[in-house]
Amino acid sequence: MRTNLLIILVVAGIVLATTPVEVHHSAAAAFDAKVPINLRGTIAKFEWINPHTWIHVDVKRPDGTLERWEIEAGPPAGLVRRGFTKASVATGTEVVIQGHRARDGSLKGNAQYITLPDGRNLFAGSPGEDKQPPK
């Protein structure tokens, strides 16, 4: 009996030790609160996934070319509690996104507020942050 238990524990330990783990990052580690972004663009894709939703936005540069930004927002359950639905930011919707840029300088950001065409501001940040959009 003890031998079987020992074998089970050893096998379970090996399985756990070799299984990849997706690490949840700190927003402060990935995004710089001192580098704000204010993007006006069109939703190209909205990924309603855990642990964070991702909004892909096409932003027109002054020279007319498009940049595809990847914007991280809160988890789906948190967004639903704040009035989001999957349809809130449907593909083709023009939005303004305020947030913080990625520390690595890539075209990524962390959303704080999303302004919809009808003027509604949706808080997309992490729980506990300021809930009022900047003026």
Protein backbone atom coordinates (compact mmCIF):
# COMPACT_ATOMS: atom_id res chain seq x y z
CA MET A 1 0.00 0.00 0.00
CA ARG A 2 2.77 2.43 0.95
CA THR A 3 4.67 1.55 -2.21
CA ASN A 4 1.64 2.38 -4.36
CA LEU A 5 1.15 5.69 -2.59
CA LEU A 6 4.83 6.55 -3.03
CA ILE A 7 4.68 5.73 -6.75
CA ILE A 8 1.56 7.87 -7.18
CA LEU A 9 3.18 10.81 -5.37
CA VAL A 10 6.38 10.53 -7.42
CA VAL A 11 4.46 10.37 -10.72
CA ALA A 12 2.25 13.30 -9.69
CA GLY A 13 5.35 15.30 -8.75
CA ILE A 14 6.97 14.61 -12.11
CA VAL A 15 3.81 15.57 -13.99
CA LEU A 16 3.43 18.81 -12.04
CA ALA A 17 7.11 19.69 -12.40
CA THR A 18 7.05 19.27 -16.19
CA THR A 19 3.70 20.91 -16.93
CA PRO A 20 4.03 24.43 -18.38
CA VAL A 21 2.38 27.09 -16.26
CA GLU A 22 1.02 30.32 -17.67
CA VAL A 23 2.14 33.09 -15.36
CA HIS A 24 -0.12 36.04 -14.67
CA HIS A 25 1.95 39.20 -14.96
CA SER A 26 1.75 42.39 -13.01
CA ALA A 27 0.41 45.30 -15.06
CA ALA A 28 3.13 47.50 -13.55
CA ALA A 29 5.80 45.13 -14.84
CA ALA A 30 4.47 45.13 -18.41
CA PHE A 31 3.03 48.66 -18.77
CA ASP A 32 4.44 52.06 -17.82
CA ALA A 33 1.95 54.26 -15.94
CA LYS A 34 4.17 57.26 -16.78
CA VAL A 35 3.66 56.76 -20.53
CA PRO A 36 -0.02 57.41 -21.30
CA ILE A 37 -1.63 56.50 -24.60
CA ASN A 38 -4.73 58.03 -26.15
CA LEU A 39 -5.65 56.07 -29.27
CA ARG A 40 -8.47 56.70 -31.71
CA GLY A 41 -9.10 53.73 -33.94
CA THR A 42 -11.32 50.96 -35.19
CA ILE A 43 -11.75 47.61 -33.47
CA ALA A 44 -10.19 44.91 -35.66
CA LYS A 45 -10.62 42.03 -33.20
CA PHE A 46 -11.84 41.53 -29.65
CA GLU A 47 -10.60 38.49 -27.71
CA TRP A 48 -12.98 37.71 -24.84
CA ILE A 49 -10.54 35.43 -22.97
CA ASN A 50 -9.13 34.92 -19.47
CA PRO A 51 -7.17 36.12 -17.65
CA HIS A 52 -7.48 39.39 -19.63
CA THR A 53 -9.41 40.43 -22.70
CA TRP A 54 -7.45 41.79 -25.67
CA ILE A 55 -8.67 44.47 -28.04
CA HIS A 56 -6.88 44.81 -31.38
CA VAL A 57 -7.28 48.33 -32.73
CA ASP A 58 -6.31 49.78 -36.10
CA VAL A 59 -5.02 53.32 -35.56
CA LYS A 60 -4.40 55.62 -38.53
CA ARG A 61 -1.04 57.42 -38.38
CA PRO A 62 -0.63 60.97 -39.70
CA ASP A 63 0.92 59.60 -42.92
CA GLY A 64 -2.21 57.48 -43.54
CA THR A 65 -0.71 54.09 -42.70
CA LEU A 66 -2.39 51.84 -40.13
CA GLU A 67 -0.85 50.56 -36.94
CA ARG A 68 -2.38 47.53 -35.25
CA TRP A 69 -2.30 48.03 -31.47
CA GLU A 70 -2.93 45.22 -28.98
CA ILE A 71 -4.71 46.54 -25.92
CA GLU A 72 -5.10 44.53 -22.74
CA ALA A 73 -8.25 45.10 -20.70
CA GLY A 74 -9.71 43.51 -17.58
CA PRO A 75 -11.00 39.95 -17.27
CA PRO A 76 -14.34 39.12 -18.94
CA ALA A 77 -16.23 38.72 -15.65
CA GLY A 78 -15.02 42.09 -14.39
CA LEU A 79 -15.94 43.81 -17.65
CA VAL A 80 -19.45 42.34 -17.56
CA ARG A 81 -19.94 43.79 -14.06
CA ARG A 82 -18.98 47.20 -15.48
CA GLY A 83 -21.49 47.04 -18.33
CA PHE A 84 -19.43 45.48 -21.12
CA THR A 85 -20.74 42.77 -23.38
CA LYS A 86 -19.01 41.05 -26.26
CA ALA A 87 -20.99 43.38 -28.52
CA SER A 88 -19.81 46.56 -26.74
CA VAL A 89 -16.65 46.68 -28.80
CA ALA A 90 -17.66 44.79 -31.93
CA THR A 91 -15.37 44.64 -34.95
CA GLY A 92 -15.60 47.89 -36.88
CA THR A 93 -16.55 50.03 -33.87
CA GLU A 94 -14.65 53.30 -33.65
CA VAL A 95 -13.32 53.88 -30.15
CA VAL A 96 -10.98 56.07 -28.16
CA ILE A 97 -8.77 54.16 -25.73
CA GLN A 98 -6.93 55.77 -22.85
CA GLY A 99 -4.37 53.81 -20.94
CA HIS A 100 -0.66 53.09 -20.61
CA ARG A 101 1.93 51.95 -23.13
CA ALA A 102 3.96 48.75 -22.89
CA ARG A 103 7.36 49.17 -21.25
CA ASP A 104 9.08 47.48 -24.20
CA GLY A 105 7.86 50.22 -26.59
CA SER A 106 5.81 47.81 -28.70
CA LEU A 107 2.36 48.67 -30.04
CA LYS A 108 0.73 47.28 -26.91
CA GLY A 109 -1.10 49.00 -24.12
CA ASN A 110 -3.19 48.51 -21.04
CA ALA A 111 -6.63 50.09 -21.31
CA GLN A 112 -8.08 52.20 -18.54
CA TYR A 113 -11.06 53.71 -20.39
CA ILE A 114 -12.78 53.00 -23.68
CA THR A 115 -15.02 55.68 -25.15
CA LEU A 116 -17.72 54.36 -27.50
CA PRO A 117 -19.25 56.26 -30.44
CA ASP A 118 -22.33 57.14 -28.35
CA GLY A 119 -20.07 58.89 -25.79
CA ARG A 120 -20.25 56.21 -23.08
CA ASN A 121 -16.99 55.67 -21.19
CA LEU A 122 -16.34 52.10 -20.13
CA PHE A 123 -13.83 51.50 -17.36
CA ALA A 124 -11.56 48.72 -18.59
CA GLY A 125 -8.80 48.86 -15.95
CA SER A 126 -8.04 46.71 -12.97
CA PRO A 127 -10.28 46.64 -9.90
CA GLY A 128 -9.41 49.25 -7.31
CA GLU A 129 -8.17 51.84 -9.81
CA ASP A 130 -9.78 55.24 -10.32
CA LYS A 131 -13.15 54.75 -11.99
CA GLN A 132 -13.50 58.27 -13.46
CA PRO A 133 -12.09 58.92 -16.94
CA PRO A 134 -9.72 61.87 -17.23
CA LYS A 135 -11.17 65.03 -18.71
